Amino acid sequence: MTIDRGDYDSGDEFVLEYGDLRFTFNERDFEERCEQAASKLGFVASISAW
């Protein structure tokens, strides 16, 4: 069983497309998601430590 998560839209400053999926982000949402990913991957210190 697969889960269809569909597209995501929070703005139009940043657009990511992968196959049939389209993700659009406003600047703040994109920044927060990038910071969280960088922290989770160990590229930067934990956000909670900031």
C-alpha atoms as a PDB file:
ATOM      1  CA  MET A   1       0.000   0.000   0.000  1.00  0.00           C
ATOM      2  CA  THR A   2       1.392   3.405  -0.959  1.00  0.00           C
ATOM      3  CA  ILE A   3       0.394   6.732   0.492  1.00  0.00           C
ATOM      4  CA  ASP A   4      -0.330   9.513  -1.998  1.00  0.00           C
ATOM      5  CA  ARG A   5       0.834  12.679  -0.255  1.00  0.00           C
ATOM      6  CA  GLY A   6       0.104  14.921  -3.225  1.00  0.00           C
ATOM      7  CA  ASP A   7       1.447  18.365  -3.880  1.00  0.00           C
ATOM      8  CA  TYR A   8       2.388  20.960  -1.261  1.00  0.00           C
ATOM      9  CA  ASP A   9       1.838  24.707  -1.472  1.00  0.00           C
ATOM     10  CA  SER A  10       2.775  27.452   1.000  1.00  0.00           C
ATOM     11  CA  GLY A  11       3.783  30.156  -1.464  1.00  0.00           C
ATOM     12  CA  ASP A  12       5.502  30.666  -4.774  1.00  0.00           C
ATOM     13  CA  GLU A  13       9.047  31.881  -4.030  1.00  0.00           C
ATOM     14  CA  PHE A  14      10.595  28.382  -4.296  1.00  0.00           C
ATOM     15  CA  VAL A  15       9.373  25.555  -6.521  1.00  0.00           C
ATOM     16  CA  LEU A  16      10.549  21.942  -6.417  1.00  0.00           C
ATOM     17  CA  GLU A  17       9.238  19.366  -8.858  1.00  0.00           C
ATOM     18  CA  TYR A  18       9.859  15.645  -8.635  1.00  0.00           C
ATOM     19  CA  GLY A  19       8.086  13.393 -11.101  1.00  0.00           C
ATOM     20  CA  ASP A  20       4.407  14.264 -10.920  1.00  0.00           C
ATOM     21  CA  LEU A  21       4.776  16.069  -7.580  1.00  0.00           C
ATOM     22  CA  ARG A  22       5.075  19.826  -7.216  1.00  0.00           C
ATOM     23  CA  PHE A  23       6.093  21.561  -3.992  1.00  0.00           C
ATOM     24  CA  THR A  24       5.924  25.344  -3.725  1.00  0.00           C
ATOM     25  CA  PHE A  25       7.156  27.243  -0.681  1.00  0.00           C
ATOM     26  CA  ASN A  26       7.127  30.772   0.628  1.00  0.00           C
ATOM     27  CA  GLU A  27      10.518  32.103   1.731  1.00  0.00           C
ATOM     28  CA  ARG A  28      10.018  31.550   5.475  1.00  0.00           C
ATOM     29  CA  ASP A  29       8.683  27.996   5.085  1.00  0.00           C
ATOM     30  CA  PHE A  30      11.573  27.049   2.772  1.00  0.00           C
ATOM     31  CA  GLU A  31      14.156  28.540   5.148  1.00  0.00           C
ATOM     32  CA  GLU A  32      12.725  26.652   8.124  1.00  0.00           C
ATOM     33  CA  ARG A  33      12.636  23.356   6.228  1.00  0.00           C
ATOM     34  CA  CYS A  34      16.240  23.790   5.033  1.00  0.00           C
ATOM     35  CA  GLU A  35      17.427  24.589   8.564  1.00  0.00           C
ATOM     36  CA  GLN A  36      15.635  21.544   9.967  1.00  0.00           C
ATOM     37  CA  ALA A  37      17.086  19.270   7.283  1.00  0.00           C
ATOM     38  CA  ALA A  38      20.617  20.632   7.762  1.00  0.00           C
ATOM     39  CA  SER A  39      20.339  20.073  11.508  1.00  0.00           C
ATOM     40  CA  LYS A  40      18.948  16.558  11.116  1.00  0.00           C
ATOM     41  CA  LEU A  41      21.758  15.644   8.696  1.00  0.00           C
ATOM     42  CA  GLY A  42      24.390  17.073  11.044  1.00  0.00           C
ATOM     43  CA  PHE A  43      25.513  19.876   8.716  1.00  0.00           C
ATOM     44  CA  VAL A  44      24.850  22.542  11.389  1.00  0.00           C
ATOM     45  CA  ALA A  45      24.360  22.632  15.154  1.00  0.00           C
ATOM     46  CA  SER A  46      20.931  21.728  16.428  1.00  0.00           C
ATOM     47  CA  ILE A  47      18.394  24.517  15.938  1.00  0.00           C
ATOM     48  CA  SER A  48      17.306  24.177  19.577  1.00  0.00           C
ATOM     49  CA  ALA A  49      20.877  25.104  20.572  1.00  0.00           C
ATOM     50  CA  TRP A  50      20.656  28.450  18.739  1.00  0.00           C
END
